[in-house]
């Protein structure tokens, strides 16, 4: 099959048999919706197609439920059979891409937290004529790896926004907590913070073990008397850090990346300074809709450039306007 290239993309819509695709598909404890189901409304009068959304989501992180909800709503509108597949282990994520290729899906949306581990599998997809978009992580390498666009927040820019806000508020010794070592997006966030607040220190924890996150962060806060703020790079981590600050006796404040209804509540009651929202619903929705638009008319959303979904700061001044959407699971 002709290799897919966004630079010289041409549409050759073909009928694809509906084949079963099996993989790990748990995320955040939410039961999967029936493929293609979502909010009620008019469905596109286009040929049924199958798209695989493959992420590095770990179990129990509600962030990915929001991504998935956006993808499911786009799939319902676009007459797409959505296959949601996830695994936090890079090698396994690569296998899921190859599995989707073998099932002859019409498009692949994939996160690029570990791009080096995925580049060969993505090349196989584009060589097989399957269009690829990336989302969430890997903006800087997305085009190089063959994706025709990327949906997400620029992580370094988001980090700089957090760092600038902290600097403006007088903080000088942040601890930036990275829950997955080697994750390019998380590393970029902390680098962005450090660019604005040079006194930033990075703390690595094992995000899949919240007990270990709690003990490691508590010990660090007790040992770092000059730490004045600790930053979580995801909602579950931040909720644990709030407890660690209380248990350690530290006077450090807490700031965050990402958003859910619990964090919105913590901002409202003053426990959390602020968070930076990358609007994951838009990442899921946009990536699926972009693949459908390409198959429908050869449309290349973004013109080969990333489509930014953030950063957006949520603090006490605007959290009331966001809370209802967080409660609904779309922010």
C-alpha atoms as a PDB file:
ATOM      1  CA  UNK A   1       0.000   0.000   0.000  1.00  0.00           C
ATOM      2  CA  UNK A   2       1.183   3.496  -0.755  1.00  0.00           C
ATOM      3  CA  UNK A   3       2.964   5.195   2.108  1.00  0.00           C
ATOM      4  CA  UNK A   4       0.948   7.925   3.824  1.00  0.00           C
ATOM      5  CA  UNK A   5       2.581  11.348   3.850  1.00  0.00           C
ATOM      6  CA  UNK A   6       0.761  14.440   5.068  1.00  0.00           C
ATOM      7  CA  UNK A   7       2.891  16.650   2.815  1.00  0.00           C
ATOM      8  CA  UNK A   8       1.444  15.052  -0.348  1.00  0.00           C
ATOM      9  CA  UNK A   9      -1.699  13.523   1.084  1.00  0.00           C
ATOM     10  CA  UNK A  10      -4.381  12.304  -1.280  1.00  0.00           C
ATOM     11  CA  UNK A  11      -7.628  10.687  -0.284  1.00  0.00           C
ATOM     12  CA  UNK A  12      -8.335   7.171  -1.478  1.00  0.00           C
ATOM     13  CA  UNK A  13     -11.295   6.126   0.629  1.00  0.00           C
ATOM     14  CA  UNK A  14     -11.738   2.376   0.673  1.00  0.00           C
ATOM     15  CA  UNK A  15     -14.202   0.095   2.377  1.00  0.00           C
ATOM     16  CA  UNK A  16     -12.601  -1.591   5.382  1.00  0.00           C
ATOM     17  CA  UNK A  17     -14.083  -4.766   6.881  1.00  0.00           C
ATOM     18  CA  UNK A  18     -15.092  -4.400  10.497  1.00  0.00           C
ATOM     19  CA  UNK A  19     -12.596  -6.531  12.400  1.00  0.00           C
ATOM     20  CA  UNK A  20     -12.354  -7.096  16.130  1.00  0.00           C
ATOM     21  CA  UNK A  21      -9.448  -5.436  17.904  1.00  0.00           C
ATOM     22  CA  UNK A  22      -8.377  -6.634  21.323  1.00  0.00           C
ATOM     23  CA  UNK A  23      -6.129  -4.895  23.820  1.00  0.00           C
ATOM     24  CA  UNK A  24      -5.903  -3.411  27.256  1.00  0.00           C
ATOM     25  CA  UNK A  25      -8.551  -0.695  27.367  1.00  0.00           C
ATOM     26  CA  UNK A  26      -9.032   0.229  30.997  1.00  0.00           C
ATOM     27  CA  UNK A  27      -8.660   3.804  32.165  1.00  0.00           C
ATOM     28  CA  UNK A  28      -9.634   5.565  35.335  1.00  0.00           C
ATOM     29  CA  UNK A  29     -12.008   2.799  36.349  1.00  0.00           C
ATOM     30  CA  UNK A  30     -14.677   3.957  33.903  1.00  0.00           C
ATOM     31  CA  UNK A  31     -16.503   1.282  31.934  1.00  0.00           C
ATOM     32  CA  UNK A  32     -16.031   1.720  28.175  1.00  0.00           C
ATOM     33  CA  UNK A  33     -18.905   3.090  26.149  1.00  0.00           C
ATOM     34  CA  UNK A  34     -20.139   0.949  23.287  1.00  0.00           C
ATOM     35  CA  UNK A  35     -17.956   1.676  20.250  1.00  0.00           C
ATOM     36  CA  UNK A  36     -19.241   4.687  18.396  1.00  0.00           C
ATOM     37  CA  UNK A  37     -21.737   5.639  21.105  1.00  0.00           C
ATOM     38  CA  UNK A  38     -21.747   9.070  22.676  1.00  0.00           C
ATOM     39  CA  UNK A  39     -24.044  12.014  23.103  1.00  0.00           C
ATOM     40  CA  UNK A  40     -27.196  11.830  21.024  1.00  0.00           C
ATOM     41  CA  UNK A  41     -27.320  13.843  17.816  1.00  0.00           C
ATOM     42  CA  UNK A  42     -27.122  13.669  14.054  1.00  0.00           C
ATOM     43  CA  UNK A  43     -24.558  11.178  12.739  1.00  0.00           C
ATOM     44  CA  UNK A  44     -22.447  11.945   9.681  1.00  0.00           C
ATOM     45  CA  UNK A  45     -23.737  10.372   6.472  1.00  0.00           C
ATOM     46  CA  UNK A  46     -20.295   9.024   5.611  1.00  0.00           C
ATOM     47  CA  UNK A  47     -19.063   5.486   5.250  1.00  0.00           C
ATOM     48  CA  UNK A  48     -18.440   3.764   8.574  1.00  0.00           C
ATOM     49  CA  UNK A  49     -14.759   3.774   9.478  1.00  0.00           C
ATOM     50  CA  UNK A  50     -12.609   2.444  12.297  1.00  0.00           C
ATOM     51  CA  UNK A  51     -10.085   4.563  14.195  1.00  0.00           C
ATOM     52  CA  UNK A  52      -7.729   3.435  16.972  1.00  0.00           C
ATOM     53  CA  UNK A  53      -6.869   5.794  19.831  1.00  0.00           C
ATOM     54  CA  UNK A  54      -3.725   4.489  21.528  1.00  0.00           C
ATOM     55  CA  UNK A  55      -2.462   6.179  24.696  1.00  0.00           C
ATOM     56  CA  UNK A  56       0.097   5.703  27.447  1.00  0.00           C
ATOM     57  CA  UNK A  57      -2.626   6.051  30.086  1.00  0.00           C
ATOM     58  CA  UNK A  58      -2.089   4.199  33.366  1.00  0.00           C
ATOM     59  CA  UNK A  59      -4.997   2.692  35.249  1.00  0.00           C
ATOM     60  CA  UNK A  60      -6.844   5.024  37.592  1.00  0.00           C
ATOM     61  CA  UNK A  61      -5.911   8.418  36.115  1.00  0.00           C
ATOM     62  CA  UNK A  62      -9.167  10.261  35.430  1.00  0.00           C
ATOM     63  CA  UNK A  63      -7.381  12.650  33.050  1.00  0.00           C
ATOM     64  CA  UNK A  64      -7.634   9.960  30.405  1.00  0.00           C
ATOM     65  CA  UNK A  65     -11.345   9.513  30.983  1.00  0.00           C
ATOM     66  CA  UNK A  66     -11.729  13.113  29.786  1.00  0.00           C
ATOM     67  CA  UNK A  67      -9.590  12.462  26.686  1.00  0.00           C
ATOM     68  CA  UNK A  68     -11.633   9.367  25.963  1.00  0.00           C
ATOM     69  CA  UNK A  69     -14.940  11.162  26.438  1.00  0.00           C
ATOM     70  CA  UNK A  70     -13.959  13.736  23.819  1.00  0.00           C
ATOM     71  CA  UNK A  71     -12.887  10.989  21.418  1.00  0.00           C
ATOM     72  CA  UNK A  72     -16.140   9.093  21.927  1.00  0.00           C
ATOM     73  CA  UNK A  73     -18.225  12.186  21.236  1.00  0.00           C
ATOM     74  CA  UNK A  74     -16.357  12.825  17.988  1.00  0.00           C
ATOM     75  CA  UNK A  75     -16.706   9.162  17.011  1.00  0.00           C
ATOM     76  CA  UNK A  76     -20.455   9.243  17.633  1.00  0.00           C
ATOM     77  CA  UNK A  77     -20.854  12.332  15.453  1.00  0.00           C
ATOM     78  CA  UNK A  78     -18.567  11.095  12.683  1.00  0.00           C
ATOM     79  CA  UNK A  79     -19.931   7.536  12.294  1.00  0.00           C
ATOM     80  CA  UNK A  80     -16.640   6.107  13.542  1.00  0.00           C
ATOM     81  CA  UNK A  81     -16.055   2.828  15.341  1.00  0.00           C
ATOM     82  CA  UNK A  82     -13.577   3.888  18.026  1.00  0.00           C
ATOM     83  CA  UNK A  83     -11.086   1.436  19.476  1.00  0.00           C
ATOM     84  CA  UNK A  84      -9.567   2.837  22.671  1.00  0.00           C
ATOM     85  CA  UNK A  85      -6.310   1.086  23.630  1.00  0.00           C
ATOM     86  CA  UNK A  86      -3.863   2.009  26.369  1.00  0.00           C
ATOM     87  CA  UNK A  87      -0.744   0.845  28.121  1.00  0.00           C
ATOM     88  CA  UNK A  88       1.785   2.915  30.118  1.00  0.00           C
ATOM     89  CA  UNK A  89       4.662   0.656  29.038  1.00  0.00           C
ATOM     90  CA  UNK A  90       6.273   1.990  25.868  1.00  0.00           C
ATOM     91  CA  UNK A  91       7.006  -1.389  24.319  1.00  0.00           C
ATOM     92  CA  UNK A  92       3.444  -2.497  24.814  1.00  0.00           C
ATOM     93  CA  UNK A  93       2.112   0.746  23.345  1.00  0.00           C
ATOM     94  CA  UNK A  94       4.220   0.071  20.254  1.00  0.00           C
ATOM     95  CA  UNK A  95       2.675  -3.396  20.008  1.00  0.00           C
ATOM     96  CA  UNK A  96      -0.798  -1.867  20.180  1.00  0.00           C
ATOM     97  CA  UNK A  97       0.053   0.335  17.192  1.00  0.00           C
ATOM     98  CA  UNK A  98       1.172  -2.721  15.215  1.00  0.00           C
ATOM     99  CA  UNK A  99      -1.979  -4.559  16.260  1.00  0.00           C
ATOM    100  CA  UNK A 100      -4.095  -1.702  14.916  1.00  0.00           C
ATOM    101  CA  UNK A 101      -2.128  -1.776  11.643  1.00  0.00           C
ATOM    102  CA  UNK A 102      -2.784  -5.503  11.278  1.00  0.00           C
ATOM    103  CA  UNK A 103      -6.492  -4.875  11.772  1.00  0.00           C
ATOM    104  CA  UNK A 104      -6.401  -2.341   8.898  1.00  0.00           C
ATOM    105  CA  UNK A 105      -7.863   0.586  10.809  1.00  0.00           C
ATOM    106  CA  UNK A 106      -8.659   3.759   8.868  1.00  0.00           C
ATOM    107  CA  UNK A 107      -6.621   5.996  11.146  1.00  0.00           C
ATOM    108  CA  UNK A 108      -4.522   6.038  14.313  1.00  0.00           C
ATOM    109  CA  UNK A 109      -4.397   8.691  17.031  1.00  0.00           C
ATOM    110  CA  UNK A 110      -1.483   8.137  19.403  1.00  0.00           C
ATOM    111  CA  UNK A 111       0.248   9.797  22.335  1.00  0.00           C
ATOM    112  CA  UNK A 112       4.018  10.243  22.059  1.00  0.00           C
ATOM    113  CA  UNK A 113       5.265  10.264  25.640  1.00  0.00           C
ATOM    114  CA  UNK A 114       8.155   8.005  24.592  1.00  0.00           C
ATOM    115  CA  UNK A 115       8.652   8.806  20.901  1.00  0.00           C
ATOM    116  CA  UNK A 116      11.836   6.811  20.363  1.00  0.00           C
ATOM    117  CA  UNK A 117      10.052   3.637  21.407  1.00  0.00           C
ATOM    118  CA  UNK A 118       7.154   4.288  19.026  1.00  0.00           C
ATOM    119  CA  UNK A 119       8.830   5.668  15.906  1.00  0.00           C
ATOM    120  CA  UNK A 120       9.248   2.313  14.127  1.00  0.00           C
ATOM    121  CA  UNK A 121       5.638   1.301  14.714  1.00  0.00           C
ATOM    122  CA  UNK A 122       4.378   4.684  13.519  1.00  0.00           C
ATOM    123  CA  UNK A 123       6.505   4.354  10.366  1.00  0.00           C
ATOM    124  CA  UNK A 124       4.871   0.982   9.718  1.00  0.00           C
ATOM    125  CA  UNK A 125       1.486   2.668   9.966  1.00  0.00           C
ATOM    126  CA  UNK A 126       2.318   5.446   7.505  1.00  0.00           C
ATOM    127  CA  UNK A 127       4.039   2.952   5.177  1.00  0.00           C
ATOM    128  CA  UNK A 128       0.761   0.990   5.203  1.00  0.00           C
ATOM    129  CA  UNK A 129      -1.144   4.093   4.128  1.00  0.00           C
ATOM    130  CA  UNK A 130      -2.755   4.689   7.520  1.00  0.00           C
ATOM    131  CA  UNK A 131      -2.968   8.380   8.491  1.00  0.00           C
ATOM    132  CA  UNK A 132      -1.674   9.222  11.966  1.00  0.00           C
ATOM    133  CA  UNK A 133      -2.275  12.134  14.307  1.00  0.00           C
ATOM    134  CA  UNK A 134      -0.650  12.572  17.697  1.00  0.00           C
ATOM    135  CA  UNK A 135      -2.092  14.031  20.848  1.00  0.00           C
ATOM    136  CA  UNK A 136      -1.180  15.046  24.387  1.00  0.00           C
ATOM    137  CA  UNK A 137       2.585  14.404  24.318  1.00  0.00           C
ATOM    138  CA  UNK A 138       5.312  14.649  21.696  1.00  0.00           C
ATOM    139  CA  UNK A 139       4.434  17.892  19.944  1.00  0.00           C
ATOM    140  CA  UNK A 140       8.062  18.600  19.017  1.00  0.00           C
ATOM    141  CA  UNK A 141       8.569  15.232  17.272  1.00  0.00           C
ATOM    142  CA  UNK A 142       5.075  14.621  15.934  1.00  0.00           C
ATOM    143  CA  UNK A 143       5.701  15.815  12.379  1.00  0.00           C
ATOM    144  CA  UNK A 144       9.102  14.116  12.189  1.00  0.00           C
ATOM    145  CA  UNK A 145       7.533  10.777  13.100  1.00  0.00           C
ATOM    146  CA  UNK A 146       4.903  11.091  10.371  1.00  0.00           C
ATOM    147  CA  UNK A 147       1.803  12.472  12.091  1.00  0.00           C
ATOM    148  CA  UNK A 148       0.006  15.088  10.004  1.00  0.00           C
ATOM    149  CA  UNK A 149      -0.970  17.136  13.056  1.00  0.00           C
ATOM    150  CA  UNK A 150      -0.842  17.159  16.851  1.00  0.00           C
ATOM    151  CA  UNK A 151      -3.458  18.128  19.428  1.00  0.00           C
ATOM    152  CA  UNK A 152      -2.183  19.235  22.810  1.00  0.00           C
ATOM    153  CA  UNK A 153      -0.661  21.890  24.983  1.00  0.00           C
ATOM    154  CA  UNK A 154       2.930  22.964  24.518  1.00  0.00           C
ATOM    155  CA  UNK A 155       4.359  21.524  27.731  1.00  0.00           C
ATOM    156  CA  UNK A 156       7.348  23.845  27.996  1.00  0.00           C
ATOM    157  CA  UNK A 157       5.120  26.863  27.374  1.00  0.00           C
ATOM    158  CA  UNK A 158       2.728  25.577  30.039  1.00  0.00           C
ATOM    159  CA  UNK A 159       5.647  25.155  32.433  1.00  0.00           C
ATOM    160  CA  UNK A 160       6.783  28.692  31.760  1.00  0.00           C
ATOM    161  CA  UNK A 161       3.258  29.962  32.450  1.00  0.00           C
ATOM    162  CA  UNK A 162       3.278  28.185  35.814  1.00  0.00           C
ATOM    163  CA  UNK A 163       6.791  29.411  36.594  1.00  0.00           C
ATOM    164  CA  UNK A 164       5.926  32.992  35.731  1.00  0.00           C
ATOM    165  CA  UNK A 165       2.798  32.919  37.891  1.00  0.00           C
ATOM    166  CA  UNK A 166       4.793  31.508  40.812  1.00  0.00           C
ATOM    167  CA  UNK A 167       7.559  34.083  40.327  1.00  0.00           C
ATOM    168  CA  UNK A 168       4.978  36.878  40.244  1.00  0.00           C
ATOM    169  CA  UNK A 169       3.619  35.603  43.563  1.00  0.00           C
ATOM    170  CA  UNK A 170       7.080  35.594  45.142  1.00  0.00           C
ATOM    171  CA  UNK A 171       7.910  31.883  45.160  1.00  0.00           C
ATOM    172  CA  UNK A 172      11.576  31.018  44.667  1.00  0.00           C
ATOM    173  CA  UNK A 173      12.118  27.348  45.619  1.00  0.00           C
ATOM    174  CA  UNK A 174       9.581  25.082  43.899  1.00  0.00           C
ATOM    175  CA  UNK A 175       9.724  21.307  43.925  1.00  0.00           C
ATOM    176  CA  UNK A 176       8.472  19.960  40.581  1.00  0.00           C
ATOM    177  CA  UNK A 177       7.321  16.348  40.946  1.00  0.00           C
ATOM    178  CA  UNK A 178       7.705  14.083  37.889  1.00  0.00           C
ATOM    179  CA  UNK A 179       5.753  10.838  38.144  1.00  0.00           C
ATOM    180  CA  UNK A 180       7.140   9.093  35.027  1.00  0.00           C
ATOM    181  CA  UNK A 181      10.875   9.370  34.438  1.00  0.00           C
ATOM    182  CA  UNK A 182      11.714   9.830  30.752  1.00  0.00           C
ATOM    183  CA  UNK A 183       8.285  11.215  29.813  1.00  0.00           C
ATOM    184  CA  UNK A 184       9.165  14.050  27.423  1.00  0.00           C
ATOM    185  CA  UNK A 185       6.089  16.116  28.266  1.00  0.00           C
ATOM    186  CA  UNK A 186       6.594  16.004  32.027  1.00  0.00           C
ATOM    187  CA  UNK A 187      10.286  16.808  31.715  1.00  0.00           C
ATOM    188  CA  UNK A 188       9.378  19.796  29.517  1.00  0.00           C
ATOM    189  CA  UNK A 189       6.889  21.082  32.076  1.00  0.00           C
ATOM    190  CA  UNK A 190       9.479  21.179  34.826  1.00  0.00           C
ATOM    191  CA  UNK A 191      12.049  22.685  32.450  1.00  0.00           C
ATOM    192  CA  UNK A 192       9.566  25.456  31.696  1.00  0.00           C
ATOM    193  CA  UNK A 193       9.026  26.147  35.395  1.00  0.00           C
ATOM    194  CA  UNK A 194      12.780  26.228  36.000  1.00  0.00           C
ATOM    195  CA  UNK A 195      13.252  28.682  33.119  1.00  0.00           C
ATOM    196  CA  UNK A 196      11.178  31.210  35.070  1.00  0.00           C
ATOM    197  CA  UNK A 197      12.167  30.150  38.609  1.00  0.00           C
ATOM    198  CA  UNK A 198      15.835  29.017  38.587  1.00  0.00           C
ATOM    199  CA  UNK A 199      15.565  27.648  42.134  1.00  0.00           C
ATOM    200  CA  UNK A 200      13.258  24.851  40.947  1.00  0.00           C
ATOM    201  CA  UNK A 201      14.220  21.323  41.996  1.00  0.00           C
ATOM    202  CA  UNK A 202      12.913  18.165  40.331  1.00  0.00           C
ATOM    203  CA  UNK A 203      11.686  15.221  42.402  1.00  0.00           C
ATOM    204  CA  UNK A 204      11.088  11.875  40.697  1.00  0.00           C
ATOM    205  CA  UNK A 205       8.416   9.556  42.056  1.00  0.00           C
ATOM    206  CA  UNK A 206       6.742   6.363  40.869  1.00  0.00           C
ATOM    207  CA  UNK A 207       3.335   7.588  39.800  1.00  0.00           C
ATOM    208  CA  UNK A 208       1.814   4.112  39.640  1.00  0.00           C
ATOM    209  CA  UNK A 209       2.316   3.701  43.414  1.00  0.00           C
ATOM    210  CA  UNK A 210       0.539   6.465  45.326  1.00  0.00           C
ATOM    211  CA  UNK A 211       1.760   5.155  48.664  1.00  0.00           C
ATOM    212  CA  UNK A 212       5.326   5.615  47.437  1.00  0.00           C
ATOM    213  CA  UNK A 213       4.456   9.049  46.015  1.00  0.00           C
ATOM    214  CA  UNK A 214       3.147  10.085  49.425  1.00  0.00           C
ATOM    215  CA  UNK A 215       6.145   8.813  51.391  1.00  0.00           C
ATOM    216  CA  UNK A 216       8.735  10.199  48.956  1.00  0.00           C
ATOM    217  CA  UNK A 217       7.147  13.642  48.741  1.00  0.00           C
ATOM    218  CA  UNK A 218       6.551  13.844  52.498  1.00  0.00           C
ATOM    219  CA  UNK A 219      10.203  12.998  53.188  1.00  0.00           C
ATOM    220  CA  UNK A 220      11.365  15.552  50.617  1.00  0.00           C
ATOM    221  CA  UNK A 221       9.230  18.302  52.125  1.00  0.00           C
ATOM    222  CA  UNK A 222      10.531  17.519  55.604  1.00  0.00           C
ATOM    223  CA  UNK A 223      14.133  17.655  54.346  1.00  0.00           C
ATOM    224  CA  UNK A 224      13.700  20.786  52.210  1.00  0.00           C
ATOM    225  CA  UNK A 225      12.989  23.577  54.661  1.00  0.00           C
ATOM    226  CA  UNK A 226      13.357  26.249  51.963  1.00  0.00           C
ATOM    227  CA  UNK A 227      10.776  24.685  49.631  1.00  0.00           C
ATOM    228  CA  UNK A 228       7.928  27.181  49.335  1.00  0.00           C
ATOM    229  CA  UNK A 229       5.735  25.444  46.736  1.00  0.00           C
ATOM    230  CA  UNK A 230       5.401  21.905  45.389  1.00  0.00           C
ATOM    231  CA  UNK A 231       3.996  21.252  41.928  1.00  0.00           C
ATOM    232  CA  UNK A 232       2.080  18.174  40.803  1.00  0.00           C
ATOM    233  CA  UNK A 233       2.058  17.362  37.092  1.00  0.00           C
ATOM    234  CA  UNK A 234      -1.299  15.604  37.150  1.00  0.00           C
ATOM    235  CA  UNK A 235      -4.459  15.656  39.240  1.00  0.00           C
ATOM    236  CA  UNK A 236      -3.986  12.343  41.131  1.00  0.00           C
ATOM    237  CA  UNK A 237      -0.399  13.301  42.017  1.00  0.00           C
ATOM    238  CA  UNK A 238      -1.453  16.759  43.181  1.00  0.00           C
ATOM    239  CA  UNK A 239      -4.193  15.368  45.423  1.00  0.00           C
ATOM    240  CA  UNK A 240      -1.552  13.170  47.071  1.00  0.00           C
ATOM    241  CA  UNK A 241       0.841  16.130  47.429  1.00  0.00           C
ATOM    242  CA  UNK A 242      -1.824  18.116  49.272  1.00  0.00           C
ATOM    243  CA  UNK A 243      -1.915  15.339  51.871  1.00  0.00           C
ATOM    244  CA  UNK A 244       1.890  15.165  51.992  1.00  0.00           C
ATOM    245  CA  UNK A 245       2.169  18.877  52.759  1.00  0.00           C
ATOM    246  CA  UNK A 246      -0.231  18.479  55.666  1.00  0.00           C
ATOM    247  CA  UNK A 247       1.504  15.362  56.997  1.00  0.00           C
ATOM    248  CA  UNK A 248       5.012  16.816  56.683  1.00  0.00           C
ATOM    249  CA  UNK A 249       4.206  20.014  58.547  1.00  0.00           C
ATOM    250  CA  UNK A 250       5.633  21.997  55.634  1.00  0.00           C
ATOM    251  CA  UNK A 251       4.431  25.515  54.927  1.00  0.00           C
ATOM    252  CA  UNK A 252       4.820  24.944  51.189  1.00  0.00           C
ATOM    253  CA  UNK A 253       1.897  25.797  48.943  1.00  0.00           C
ATOM    254  CA  UNK A 254       0.680  23.498  46.171  1.00  0.00           C
ATOM    255  CA  UNK A 255       0.194  24.209  42.453  1.00  0.00           C
ATOM    256  CA  UNK A 256      -0.732  21.817  39.685  1.00  0.00           C
ATOM    257  CA  UNK A 257      -1.016  20.867  36.064  1.00  0.00           C
ATOM    258  CA  UNK A 258      -4.253  19.403  34.690  1.00  0.00           C
ATOM    259  CA  UNK A 259      -7.744  19.581  36.106  1.00  0.00           C
ATOM    260  CA  UNK A 260     -10.625  17.481  37.372  1.00  0.00           C
ATOM    261  CA  UNK A 261     -13.596  18.178  39.608  1.00  0.00           C
ATOM    262  CA  UNK A 262     -11.632  17.445  42.794  1.00  0.00           C
ATOM    263  CA  UNK A 263      -8.886  19.905  41.894  1.00  0.00           C
ATOM    264  CA  UNK A 264     -11.452  22.529  40.934  1.00  0.00           C
ATOM    265  CA  UNK A 265     -12.901  22.145  44.423  1.00  0.00           C
ATOM    266  CA  UNK A 266      -9.455  22.494  46.006  1.00  0.00           C
ATOM    267  CA  UNK A 267      -8.877  25.737  44.106  1.00  0.00           C
ATOM    268  CA  UNK A 268     -12.275  27.036  45.207  1.00  0.00           C
ATOM    269  CA  UNK A 269     -11.587  26.330  48.901  1.00  0.00           C
ATOM    270  CA  UNK A 270      -8.070  27.796  48.755  1.00  0.00           C
ATOM    271  CA  UNK A 271      -6.151  24.546  49.297  1.00  0.00           C
ATOM    272  CA  UNK A 272      -4.611  24.721  45.818  1.00  0.00           C
ATOM    273  CA  UNK A 273      -3.071  27.871  44.337  1.00  0.00           C
ATOM    274  CA  UNK A 274      -3.991  27.158  40.723  1.00  0.00           C
ATOM    275  CA  UNK A 275      -3.661  24.633  37.938  1.00  0.00           C
ATOM    276  CA  UNK A 276      -2.895  24.845  34.232  1.00  0.00           C
ATOM    277  CA  UNK A 277      -5.482  23.047  32.125  1.00  0.00           C
ATOM    278  CA  UNK A 278      -4.517  21.491  28.780  1.00  0.00           C
ATOM    279  CA  UNK A 279      -8.193  20.760  27.985  1.00  0.00           C
ATOM    280  CA  UNK A 280      -7.889  17.011  27.332  1.00  0.00           C
ATOM    281  CA  UNK A 281     -11.461  16.707  26.024  1.00  0.00           C
ATOM    282  CA  UNK A 282     -10.390  18.814  23.046  1.00  0.00           C
ATOM    283  CA  UNK A 283      -7.380  16.545  22.484  1.00  0.00           C
ATOM    284  CA  UNK A 284      -9.545  13.444  22.237  1.00  0.00           C
ATOM    285  CA  UNK A 285     -12.265  15.094  20.183  1.00  0.00           C
ATOM    286  CA  UNK A 286      -9.901  16.911  17.842  1.00  0.00           C
ATOM    287  CA  UNK A 287      -7.691  13.920  17.061  1.00  0.00           C
ATOM    288  CA  UNK A 288     -10.585  11.659  16.045  1.00  0.00           C
ATOM    289  CA  UNK A 289     -12.372  14.398  14.119  1.00  0.00           C
ATOM    290  CA  UNK A 290      -9.160  15.306  12.253  1.00  0.00           C
ATOM    291  CA  UNK A 291      -8.734  11.718  11.046  1.00  0.00           C
ATOM    292  CA  UNK A 292     -12.370  11.609   9.935  1.00  0.00           C
ATOM    293  CA  UNK A 293     -11.974  14.931   8.108  1.00  0.00           C
ATOM    294  CA  UNK A 294      -8.896  13.600   6.330  1.00  0.00           C
ATOM    295  CA  UNK A 295     -10.652  10.437   5.176  1.00  0.00           C
ATOM    296  CA  UNK A 296     -13.727  12.434   4.170  1.00  0.00           C
ATOM    297  CA  UNK A 297     -12.088  15.137   2.103  1.00  0.00           C
ATOM    298  CA  UNK A 298      -8.318  15.059   2.417  1.00  0.00           C
ATOM    299  CA  UNK A 299      -8.493  17.928   4.900  1.00  0.00           C
ATOM    300  CA  UNK A 300      -5.276  18.522   6.839  1.00  0.00           C
ATOM    301  CA  UNK A 301      -6.159  20.341  10.041  1.00  0.00           C
ATOM    302  CA  UNK A 302      -3.246  22.376  11.333  1.00  0.00           C
ATOM    303  CA  UNK A 303      -1.374  22.451   8.035  1.00  0.00           C
ATOM    304  CA  UNK A 304       1.247  20.128   9.495  1.00  0.00           C
ATOM    305  CA  UNK A 305       1.582  22.245  12.632  1.00  0.00           C
ATOM    306  CA  UNK A 306       0.342  21.503  16.182  1.00  0.00           C
ATOM    307  CA  UNK A 307      -3.160  22.523  17.221  1.00  0.00           C
ATOM    308  CA  UNK A 308      -2.790  23.927  20.745  1.00  0.00           C
ATOM    309  CA  UNK A 309      -5.437  23.064  23.346  1.00  0.00           C
ATOM    310  CA  UNK A 310      -3.713  24.957  26.151  1.00  0.00           C
ATOM    311  CA  UNK A 311      -2.292  26.143  28.441  1.00  0.00           C
ATOM    312  CA  UNK A 312      -5.196  27.729  30.293  1.00  0.00           C
ATOM    313  CA  UNK A 313      -4.697  28.849  33.903  1.00  0.00           C
ATOM    314  CA  UNK A 314      -7.518  28.025  36.327  1.00  0.00           C
ATOM    315  CA  UNK A 315      -7.331  29.836  39.671  1.00  0.00           C
ATOM    316  CA  UNK A 316      -9.671  31.197  42.306  1.00  0.00           C
ATOM    317  CA  UNK A 317     -10.665  34.095  40.045  1.00  0.00           C
ATOM    318  CA  UNK A 318     -12.199  31.883  37.352  1.00  0.00           C
ATOM    319  CA  UNK A 319     -12.740  28.448  38.886  1.00  0.00           C
ATOM    320  CA  UNK A 320     -16.456  29.051  39.466  1.00  0.00           C
ATOM    321  CA  UNK A 321     -17.015  29.289  35.716  1.00  0.00           C
ATOM    322  CA  UNK A 322     -15.141  26.022  35.157  1.00  0.00           C
ATOM    323  CA  UNK A 323     -16.498  23.915  38.037  1.00  0.00           C
ATOM    324  CA  UNK A 324     -19.719  22.807  36.305  1.00  0.00           C
ATOM    325  CA  UNK A 325     -17.755  21.530  33.327  1.00  0.00           C
ATOM    326  CA  UNK A 326     -15.306  19.725  35.609  1.00  0.00           C
ATOM    327  CA  UNK A 327     -18.269  18.158  37.416  1.00  0.00           C
ATOM    328  CA  UNK A 328     -19.571  16.981  34.030  1.00  0.00           C
ATOM    329  CA  UNK A 329     -16.242  15.299  33.283  1.00  0.00           C
ATOM    330  CA  UNK A 330     -15.233  17.421  30.299  1.00  0.00           C
ATOM    331  CA  UNK A 331     -12.734  19.755  32.060  1.00  0.00           C
END
